[in-house]
Amino acid sequence: DVFIGIGSGYEKLKRDVSAIEAYQKAIDADPNSALAYYKLADVYTSQREYTKAKESYEKAISLDPEGKTVNKAEVQKKLREASSKINK
């Protein structure tokens, strides 16, 4: 949770590389954190890293299939958007 908070702070400062590092540390600390994968995917999307974003959104959904920690509908929508941009 601490690393997710740090990552969010970096995102607000538009420091994507630092945000990615913080979310990776959150995942290292808790490999089952759907929220960390979701936030990581959002940063990848903002960097136009759509393949990495797609993989991270998929991981978030697989870790939280019932949508208890992340908004499942929102994650699925962003997953579709990232997937559509990969093929262009």
PDB file of N, CA and C in Angstrom:
ATOM      1  N   ASP A   1       0.819  -1.206   0.000  1.00  0.00           N
ATOM      2  CA  ASP A   1       0.000   0.000   0.000  1.00  0.00           C
ATOM      3  C   ASP A   1       0.857   1.262   0.000  1.00  0.00           C
ATOM      4  N   VAL A   2       1.973   1.222   0.691  1.00  0.00           N
ATOM      5  CA  VAL A   2       2.864   2.378   0.737  1.00  0.00           C
ATOM      6  C   VAL A   2       3.403   2.676  -0.663  1.00  0.00           C
ATOM      7  N   PHE A   3       3.848   1.630  -1.358  1.00  0.00           N
ATOM      8  CA  PHE A   3       4.407   1.842  -2.690  1.00  0.00           C
ATOM      9  C   PHE A   3       3.340   2.304  -3.680  1.00  0.00           C
ATOM     10  N   ILE A   4       2.113   1.852  -3.495  1.00  0.00           N
ATOM     11  CA  ILE A   4       1.026   2.319  -4.368  1.00  0.00           C
ATOM     12  C   ILE A   4       0.804   3.811  -4.146  1.00  0.00           C
ATOM     13  N   GLY A   5       0.832   4.234  -2.900  1.00  0.00           N
ATOM     14  CA  GLY A   5       0.699   5.659  -2.593  1.00  0.00           C
ATOM     15  C   GLY A   5       1.830   6.485  -3.184  1.00  0.00           C
ATOM     16  N   ILE A   6       3.041   5.961  -3.086  1.00  0.00           N
ATOM     17  CA  ILE A   6       4.200   6.651  -3.662  1.00  0.00           C
ATOM     18  C   ILE A   6       4.048   6.741  -5.186  1.00  0.00           C
ATOM     19  N   GLY A   7       3.628   5.631  -5.794  1.00  0.00           N
ATOM     20  CA  GLY A   7       3.422   5.614  -7.250  1.00  0.00           C
ATOM     21  C   GLY A   7       2.381   6.625  -7.684  1.00  0.00           C
ATOM     22  N   SER A   8       1.300   6.715  -6.921  1.00  0.00           N
ATOM     23  CA  SER A   8       0.251   7.688  -7.246  1.00  0.00           C
ATOM     24  C   SER A   8       0.784   9.121  -7.174  1.00  0.00           C
ATOM     25  N   GLY A   9       1.628   9.371  -6.171  1.00  0.00           N
ATOM     26  CA  GLY A   9       2.231  10.698  -6.052  1.00  0.00           C
ATOM     27  C   GLY A   9       3.098  11.027  -7.254  1.00  0.00           C
ATOM     28  N   TYR A  10       3.896  10.044  -7.681  1.00  0.00           N
ATOM     29  CA  TYR A  10       4.734  10.259  -8.864  1.00  0.00           C
ATOM     30  C   TYR A  10       3.888  10.486 -10.110  1.00  0.00           C
ATOM     31  N   GLU A  11       2.765   9.760 -10.220  1.00  0.00           N
ATOM     32  CA  GLU A  11       1.882   9.963 -11.380  1.00  0.00           C
ATOM     33  C   GLU A  11       1.381  11.400 -11.428  1.00  0.00           C
ATOM     34  N   LYS A  12       0.980  11.927 -10.274  1.00  0.00           N
ATOM     35  CA  LYS A  12       0.473  13.300 -10.226  1.00  0.00           C
ATOM     36  C   LYS A  12       1.545  14.297 -10.629  1.00  0.00           C
ATOM     37  N   LEU A  13       2.800  13.956 -10.362  1.00  0.00           N
ATOM     38  CA  LEU A  13       3.916  14.823 -10.734  1.00  0.00           C
ATOM     39  C   LEU A  13       4.389  14.566 -12.164  1.00  0.00           C
ATOM     40  N   LYS A  14       3.690  13.679 -12.868  1.00  0.00           N
ATOM     41  CA  LYS A  14       4.038  13.302 -14.252  1.00  0.00           C
ATOM     42  C   LYS A  14       5.424  12.661 -14.327  1.00  0.00           C
ATOM     43  N   ARG A  15       5.781  11.930 -13.285  1.00  0.00           N
ATOM     44  CA  ARG A  15       7.064  11.212 -13.255  1.00  0.00           C
ATOM     45  C   ARG A  15       6.776   9.731 -13.447  1.00  0.00           C
ATOM     46  N   ASP A  16       6.487   9.375 -14.697  1.00  0.00           N
ATOM     47  CA  ASP A  16       6.036   8.029 -15.013  1.00  0.00           C
ATOM     48  C   ASP A  16       7.062   6.947 -14.685  1.00  0.00           C
ATOM     49  N   VAL A  17       8.333   7.194 -14.962  1.00  0.00           N
ATOM     50  CA  VAL A  17       9.351   6.173 -14.699  1.00  0.00           C
ATOM     51  C   VAL A  17       9.403   5.853 -13.205  1.00  0.00           C
ATOM     52  N   SER A  18       9.361   6.884 -12.379  1.00  0.00           N
ATOM     53  CA  SER A  18       9.373   6.675 -10.928  1.00  0.00           C
ATOM     54  C   SER A  18       8.092   5.983 -10.473  1.00  0.00           C
ATOM     55  N   ALA A  19       6.961   6.318 -11.089  1.00  0.00           N
ATOM     56  CA  ALA A  19       5.696   5.665 -10.748  1.00  0.00           C
ATOM     57  C   ALA A  19       5.760   4.181 -11.082  1.00  0.00           C
ATOM     58  N   ILE A  20       6.299   3.858 -12.259  1.00  0.00           N
ATOM     59  CA  ILE A  20       6.427   2.451 -12.649  1.00  0.00           C
ATOM     60  C   ILE A  20       7.292   1.707 -11.645  1.00  0.00           C
ATOM     61  N   GLU A  21       8.403   2.300 -11.242  1.00  0.00           N
ATOM     62  CA  GLU A  21       9.286   1.663 -10.264  1.00  0.00           C
ATOM     63  C   GLU A  21       8.554   1.420  -8.943  1.00  0.00           C
ATOM     64  N   ALA A  22       7.776   2.392  -8.498  1.00  0.00           N
ATOM     65  CA  ALA A  22       7.042   2.240  -7.234  1.00  0.00           C
ATOM     66  C   ALA A  22       5.994   1.133  -7.344  1.00  0.00           C
ATOM     67  N   TYR A  23       5.264   1.085  -8.462  1.00  0.00           N
ATOM     68  CA  TYR A  23       4.258   0.032  -8.628  1.00  0.00           C
ATOM     69  C   TYR A  23       4.917  -1.337  -8.744  1.00  0.00           C
ATOM     70  N   GLN A  24       6.090  -1.394  -9.370  1.00  0.00           N
ATOM     71  CA  GLN A  24       6.817  -2.671  -9.441  1.00  0.00           C
ATOM     72  C   GLN A  24       7.217  -3.126  -8.032  1.00  0.00           C
ATOM     73  N   LYS A  25       7.634  -2.176  -7.187  1.00  0.00           N
ATOM     74  CA  LYS A  25       7.985  -2.515  -5.809  1.00  0.00           C
ATOM     75  C   LYS A  25       6.748  -2.996  -5.044  1.00  0.00           C
ATOM     76  N   ALA A  26       5.596  -2.385  -5.330  1.00  0.00           N
ATOM     77  CA  ALA A  26       4.354  -2.823  -4.692  1.00  0.00           C
ATOM     78  C   ALA A  26       4.041  -4.264  -5.103  1.00  0.00           C
ATOM     79  N   ILE A  27       4.272  -4.581  -6.370  1.00  0.00           N
ATOM     80  CA  ILE A  27       4.030  -5.939  -6.868  1.00  0.00           C
ATOM     81  C   ILE A  27       5.037  -6.913  -6.258  1.00  0.00           C
ATOM     82  N   ASP A  28       6.287  -6.480  -6.124  1.00  0.00           N
ATOM     83  CA  ASP A  28       7.290  -7.334  -5.487  1.00  0.00           C
ATOM     84  C   ASP A  28       6.898  -7.640  -4.041  1.00  0.00           C
ATOM     85  N   ALA A  29       6.365  -6.639  -3.352  1.00  0.00           N
ATOM     86  CA  ALA A  29       5.962  -6.809  -1.961  1.00  0.00           C
ATOM     87  C   ALA A  29       4.697  -7.653  -1.843  1.00  0.00           C
ATOM     88  N   ASP A  30       3.792  -7.514  -2.807  1.00  0.00           N
ATOM     89  CA  ASP A  30       2.530  -8.276  -2.805  1.00  0.00           C
ATOM     90  C   ASP A  30       2.180  -8.644  -4.239  1.00  0.00           C
ATOM     91  N   PRO A  31       2.662  -9.805  -4.698  1.00  0.00           N
ATOM     92  CA  PRO A  31       2.418 -10.218  -6.087  1.00  0.00           C
ATOM     93  C   PRO A  31       0.938 -10.431  -6.422  1.00  0.00           C
ATOM     94  N   ASN A  32       0.079 -10.421  -5.411  1.00  0.00           N
ATOM     95  CA  ASN A  32      -1.354 -10.613  -5.644  1.00  0.00           C
ATOM     96  C   ASN A  32      -2.140  -9.309  -5.570  1.00  0.00           C
ATOM     97  N   SER A  33      -1.459  -8.182  -5.708  1.00  0.00           N
ATOM     98  CA  SER A  33      -2.123  -6.884  -5.627  1.00  0.00           C
ATOM     99  C   SER A  33      -2.704  -6.485  -6.984  1.00  0.00           C
ATOM    100  N   ALA A  34      -3.993  -6.691  -7.140  1.00  0.00           N
ATOM    101  CA  ALA A  34      -4.664  -6.298  -8.384  1.00  0.00           C
ATOM    102  C   ALA A  34      -4.559  -4.787  -8.578  1.00  0.00           C
ATOM    103  N   LEU A  35      -4.641  -4.035  -7.491  1.00  0.00           N
ATOM    104  CA  LEU A  35      -4.572  -2.577  -7.586  1.00  0.00           C
ATOM    105  C   LEU A  35      -3.218  -2.119  -8.129  1.00  0.00           C
ATOM    106  N   ALA A  36      -2.142  -2.746  -7.686  1.00  0.00           N
ATOM    107  CA  ALA A  36      -0.805  -2.367  -8.171  1.00  0.00           C
ATOM    108  C   ALA A  36      -0.689  -2.637  -9.672  1.00  0.00           C
ATOM    109  N   TYR A  37      -1.193  -3.779 -10.125  1.00  0.00           N
ATOM    110  CA  TYR A  37      -1.152  -4.076 -11.565  1.00  0.00           C
ATOM    111  C   TYR A  37      -2.010  -3.096 -12.353  1.00  0.00           C
ATOM    112  N   TYR A  38      -3.166  -2.745 -11.800  1.00  0.00           N
ATOM    113  CA  TYR A  38      -4.064  -1.798 -12.465  1.00  0.00           C
ATOM    114  C   TYR A  38      -3.400  -0.428 -12.614  1.00  0.00           C
ATOM    115  N   LYS A  39      -2.801   0.063 -11.525  1.00  0.00           N
ATOM    116  CA  LYS A  39      -2.150   1.371 -11.563  1.00  0.00           C
ATOM    117  C   LYS A  39      -0.952   1.341 -12.512  1.00  0.00           C
ATOM    118  N   LEU A  40      -0.207   0.229 -12.491  1.00  0.00           N
ATOM    119  CA  LEU A  40       0.925   0.070 -13.391  1.00  0.00           C
ATOM    120  C   LEU A  40       0.451   0.131 -14.846  1.00  0.00           C
ATOM    121  N   ALA A  41      -0.643  -0.539 -15.135  1.00  0.00           N
ATOM    122  CA  ALA A  41      -1.194  -0.545 -16.493  1.00  0.00           C
ATOM    123  C   ALA A  41      -1.576   0.864 -16.937  1.00  0.00           C
ATOM    124  N   ASP A  42      -2.149   1.641 -16.031  1.00  0.00           N
ATOM    125  CA  ASP A  42      -2.515   3.020 -16.378  1.00  0.00           C
ATOM    126  C   ASP A  42      -1.287   3.841 -16.788  1.00  0.00           C
ATOM    127  N   VAL A  43      -0.177   3.656 -16.079  1.00  0.00           N
ATOM    128  CA  VAL A  43       1.042   4.395 -16.432  1.00  0.00           C
ATOM    129  C   VAL A  43       1.559   3.916 -17.790  1.00  0.00           C
ATOM    130  N   TYR A  44       1.545   2.604 -18.000  1.00  0.00           N
ATOM    131  CA  TYR A  44       1.973   2.091 -19.302  1.00  0.00           C
ATOM    132  C   TYR A  44       1.099   2.658 -20.422  1.00  0.00           C
ATOM    133  N   THR A  45      -0.188   2.785 -20.175  1.00  0.00           N
ATOM    134  CA  THR A  45      -1.088   3.356 -21.179  1.00  0.00           C
ATOM    135  C   THR A  45      -0.697   4.801 -21.477  1.00  0.00           C
ATOM    136  N   SER A  46      -0.403   5.569 -20.449  1.00  0.00           N
ATOM    137  CA  SER A  46      -0.038   6.970 -20.670  1.00  0.00           C
ATOM    138  C   SER A  46       1.284   7.084 -21.431  1.00  0.00           C
ATOM    139  N   GLN A  47       2.107   6.048 -21.361  1.00  0.00           N
ATOM    140  CA  GLN A  47       3.371   6.035 -22.098  1.00  0.00           C
ATOM    141  C   GLN A  47       3.239   5.350 -23.458  1.00  0.00           C
ATOM    142  N   ARG A  48       2.036   4.987 -23.812  1.00  0.00           N
ATOM    143  CA  ARG A  48       1.742   4.294 -25.072  1.00  0.00           C
ATOM    144  C   ARG A  48       2.428   2.932 -25.167  1.00  0.00           C
ATOM    145  N   GLU A  49       2.648   2.315 -24.015  1.00  0.00           N
ATOM    146  CA  GLU A  49       3.196   0.956 -23.938  1.00  0.00           C
ATOM    147  C   GLU A  49       1.996   0.004 -23.843  1.00  0.00           C
ATOM    148  N   TYR A  50       1.262  -0.114 -24.944  1.00  0.00           N
ATOM    149  CA  TYR A  50      -0.031  -0.796 -24.890  1.00  0.00           C
ATOM    150  C   TYR A  50       0.070  -2.292 -24.627  1.00  0.00           C
ATOM    151  N   THR A  51       1.123  -2.938 -25.089  1.00  0.00           N
ATOM    152  CA  THR A  51       1.273  -4.368 -24.827  1.00  0.00           C
ATOM    153  C   THR A  51       1.479  -4.612 -23.332  1.00  0.00           C
ATOM    154  N   LYS A  52       2.351  -3.821 -22.723  1.00  0.00           N
ATOM    155  CA  LYS A  52       2.581  -3.950 -21.286  1.00  0.00           C
ATOM    156  C   LYS A  52       1.319  -3.588 -20.508  1.00  0.00           C
ATOM    157  N   ALA A  53       0.611  -2.564 -20.978  1.00  0.00           N
ATOM    158  CA  ALA A  53      -0.638  -2.168 -20.314  1.00  0.00           C
ATOM    159  C   ALA A  53      -1.648  -3.304 -20.368  1.00  0.00           C
ATOM    160  N   LYS A  54      -1.798  -3.899 -21.538  1.00  0.00           N
ATOM    161  CA  LYS A  54      -2.744  -5.004 -21.716  1.00  0.00           C
ATOM    162  C   LYS A  54      -2.419  -6.145 -20.758  1.00  0.00           C
ATOM    163  N   GLU A  55      -1.140  -6.512 -20.684  1.00  0.00           N
ATOM    164  CA  GLU A  55      -0.734  -7.605 -19.787  1.00  0.00           C
ATOM    165  C   GLU A  55      -1.035  -7.272 -18.329  1.00  0.00           C
ATOM    166  N   SER A  56      -0.800  -6.034 -17.939  1.00  0.00           N
ATOM    167  CA  SER A  56      -1.040  -5.639 -16.551  1.00  0.00           C
ATOM    168  C   SER A  56      -2.527  -5.566 -16.230  1.00  0.00           C
ATOM    169  N   TYR A  57      -3.349  -5.076 -17.172  1.00  0.00           N
ATOM    170  CA  TYR A  57      -4.800  -5.077 -16.951  1.00  0.00           C
ATOM    171  C   TYR A  57      -5.313  -6.509 -16.827  1.00  0.00           C
ATOM    172  N   GLU A  58      -4.814  -7.396 -17.690  1.00  0.00           N
ATOM    173  CA  GLU A  58      -5.230  -8.804 -17.626  1.00  0.00           C
ATOM    174  C   GLU A  58      -4.862  -9.422 -16.279  1.00  0.00           C
ATOM    175  N   LYS A  59      -3.677  -9.106 -15.785  1.00  0.00           N
ATOM    176  CA  LYS A  59      -3.234  -9.632 -14.494  1.00  0.00           C
ATOM    177  C   LYS A  59      -4.123  -9.098 -13.375  1.00  0.00           C
ATOM    178  N   ALA A  60      -4.474  -7.813 -13.441  1.00  0.00           N
ATOM    179  CA  ALA A  60      -5.351  -7.229 -12.422  1.00  0.00           C
ATOM    180  C   ALA A  60      -6.687  -7.953 -12.387  1.00  0.00           C
ATOM    181  N   ILE A  61      -7.247  -8.234 -13.567  1.00  0.00           N
ATOM    182  CA  ILE A  61      -8.532  -8.934 -13.634  1.00  0.00           C
ATOM    183  C   ILE A  61      -8.396 -10.355 -13.100  1.00  0.00           C
ATOM    184  N   SER A  62      -7.299 -11.035 -13.457  1.00  0.00           N
ATOM    185  CA  SER A  62      -7.130 -12.415 -13.008  1.00  0.00           C
ATOM    186  C   SER A  62      -6.961 -12.492 -11.489  1.00  0.00           C
ATOM    187  N   LEU A  63      -6.345 -11.473 -10.888  1.00  0.00           N
ATOM    188  CA  LEU A  63      -6.150 -11.456  -9.436  1.00  0.00           C
ATOM    189  C   LEU A  63      -7.406 -11.033  -8.688  1.00  0.00           C
ATOM    190  N   ASP A  64      -8.276 -10.298  -9.348  1.00  0.00           N
ATOM    191  CA  ASP A  64      -9.499  -9.791  -8.703  1.00  0.00           C
ATOM    192  C   ASP A  64     -10.689  -9.978  -9.640  1.00  0.00           C
ATOM    193  N   PRO A  65     -11.033 -11.237  -9.947  1.00  0.00           N
ATOM    194  CA  PRO A  65     -12.098 -11.484 -10.930  1.00  0.00           C
ATOM    195  C   PRO A  65     -13.473 -10.961 -10.515  1.00  0.00           C
ATOM    196  N   GLU A  66     -13.687 -10.773  -9.216  1.00  0.00           N
ATOM    197  CA  GLU A  66     -14.983 -10.279  -8.752  1.00  0.00           C
ATOM    198  C   GLU A  66     -15.012  -8.762  -8.597  1.00  0.00           C
ATOM    199  N   GLY A  67     -13.899  -8.106  -8.836  1.00  0.00           N
ATOM    200  CA  GLY A  67     -13.855  -6.643  -8.772  1.00  0.00           C
ATOM    201  C   GLY A  67     -13.971  -6.078  -7.379  1.00  0.00           C
ATOM    202  N   LYS A  68     -13.351  -6.727  -6.402  1.00  0.00           N
ATOM    203  CA  LYS A  68     -13.432  -6.247  -5.018  1.00  0.00           C
ATOM    204  C   LYS A  68     -12.489  -5.084  -4.738  1.00  0.00           C
ATOM    205  N   THR A  69     -11.317  -5.064  -5.403  1.00  0.00           N
ATOM    206  CA  THR A  69     -10.364  -3.975  -5.145  1.00  0.00           C
ATOM    207  C   THR A  69     -10.212  -3.036  -6.332  1.00  0.00           C
ATOM    208  N   VAL A  70     -10.571  -3.488  -7.517  1.00  0.00           N
ATOM    209  CA  VAL A  70     -10.547  -2.622  -8.694  1.00  0.00           C
ATOM    210  C   VAL A  70     -11.907  -2.698  -9.380  1.00  0.00           C
ATOM    211  N   ASN A  71     -12.263  -1.628 -10.066  1.00  0.00           N
ATOM    212  CA  ASN A  71     -13.532  -1.576 -10.786  1.00  0.00           C
ATOM    213  C   ASN A  71     -13.418  -2.449 -12.033  1.00  0.00           C
ATOM    214  N   LYS A  72     -14.018  -3.625 -11.967  1.00  0.00           N
ATOM    215  CA  LYS A  72     -13.858  -4.610 -13.035  1.00  0.00           C
ATOM    216  C   LYS A  72     -14.300  -4.075 -14.396  1.00  0.00           C
ATOM    217  N   ALA A  73     -15.416  -3.388 -14.447  1.00  0.00           N
ATOM    218  CA  ALA A  73     -15.917  -2.859 -15.719  1.00  0.00           C
ATOM    219  C   ALA A  73     -14.939  -1.842 -16.307  1.00  0.00           C
ATOM    220  N   GLU A  74     -14.380  -1.010 -15.445  1.00  0.00           N
ATOM    221  CA  GLU A  74     -13.424   0.000 -15.903  1.00  0.00           C
ATOM    222  C   GLU A  74     -12.133  -0.663 -16.413  1.00  0.00           C
ATOM    223  N   VAL A  75     -11.659  -1.673 -15.676  1.00  0.00           N
ATOM    224  CA  VAL A  75     -10.446  -2.383 -16.098  1.00  0.00           C
ATOM    225  C   VAL A  75     -10.680  -3.061 -17.443  1.00  0.00           C
ATOM    226  N   GLN A  76     -11.834  -3.699 -17.602  1.00  0.00           N
ATOM    227  CA  GLN A  76     -12.138  -4.379 -18.866  1.00  0.00           C
ATOM    228  C   GLN A  76     -12.217  -3.382 -20.022  1.00  0.00           C
ATOM    229  N   LYS A  77     -12.794  -2.215 -19.769  1.00  0.00           N
ATOM    230  CA  LYS A  77     -12.880  -1.180 -20.803  1.00  0.00           C
ATOM    231  C   LYS A  77     -11.481  -0.725 -21.218  1.00  0.00           C
ATOM    232  N   LYS A  78     -10.625  -0.455 -20.229  1.00  0.00           N
ATOM    233  CA  LYS A  78      -9.262  -0.021 -20.529  1.00  0.00           C
ATOM    234  C   LYS A  78      -8.470  -1.133 -21.215  1.00  0.00           C
ATOM    235  N   LEU A  79      -8.738  -2.368 -20.847  1.00  0.00           N
ATOM    236  CA  LEU A  79      -8.087  -3.511 -21.492  1.00  0.00           C
ATOM    237  C   LEU A  79      -8.457  -3.570 -22.967  1.00  0.00           C
ATOM    238  N   ARG A  80      -9.739  -3.377 -23.262  1.00  0.00           N
ATOM    239  CA  ARG A  80     -10.174  -3.372 -24.668  1.00  0.00           C
ATOM    240  C   ARG A  80      -9.513  -2.231 -25.443  1.00  0.00           C
ATOM    241  N   GLU A  81      -9.435  -1.052 -24.825  1.00  0.00           N
ATOM    242  CA  GLU A  81      -8.810   0.093 -25.493  1.00  0.00           C
ATOM    243  C   GLU A  81      -7.334  -0.176 -25.779  1.00  0.00           C
ATOM    244  N   ALA A  82      -6.617  -0.721 -24.796  1.00  0.00           N
ATOM    245  CA  ALA A  82      -5.193  -1.017 -24.991  1.00  0.00           C
ATOM    246  C   ALA A  82      -5.026  -2.071 -26.078  1.00  0.00           C
ATOM    247  N   SER A  83      -5.873  -3.097 -26.051  1.00  0.00           N
ATOM    248  CA  SER A  83      -5.793  -4.159 -27.042  1.00  0.00           C
ATOM    249  C   SER A  83      -6.024  -3.623 -28.457  1.00  0.00           C
ATOM    250  N   SER A  84      -6.972  -2.710 -28.589  1.00  0.00           N
ATOM    251  CA  SER A  84      -7.275  -2.177 -29.912  1.00  0.00           C
ATOM    252  C   SER A  84      -6.124  -1.324 -30.451  1.00  0.00           C
ATOM    253  N   LYS A  85      -5.366  -0.703 -29.567  1.00  0.00           N
ATOM    254  CA  LYS A  85      -4.254   0.150 -29.995  1.00  0.00           C
ATOM    255  C   LYS A  85      -3.015  -0.679 -30.354  1.00  0.00           C
ATOM    256  N   ILE A  86      -2.913  -1.883 -29.850  1.00  0.00           N
ATOM    257  CA  ILE A  86      -1.768  -2.747 -30.177  1.00  0.00           C
ATOM    258  C   ILE A  86      -1.804  -3.115 -31.643  1.00  0.00           C
ATOM    259  N   ASN A  87      -2.979  -3.354 -32.151  1.00  0.00           N
ATOM    260  CA  ASN A  87      -3.132  -3.859 -33.516  1.00  0.00           C
ATOM    261  C   ASN A  87      -3.089  -2.763 -34.582  1.00  0.00           C
ATOM    262  N   LYS A  88      -2.880  -1.526 -34.173  1.00  0.00           N
ATOM    263  CA  LYS A  88      -2.887  -0.432 -35.159  1.00  0.00           C
ATOM    264  C   LYS A  88      -1.498  -0.101 -35.619  1.00  0.00           C
TER     265      LYS A  88
END
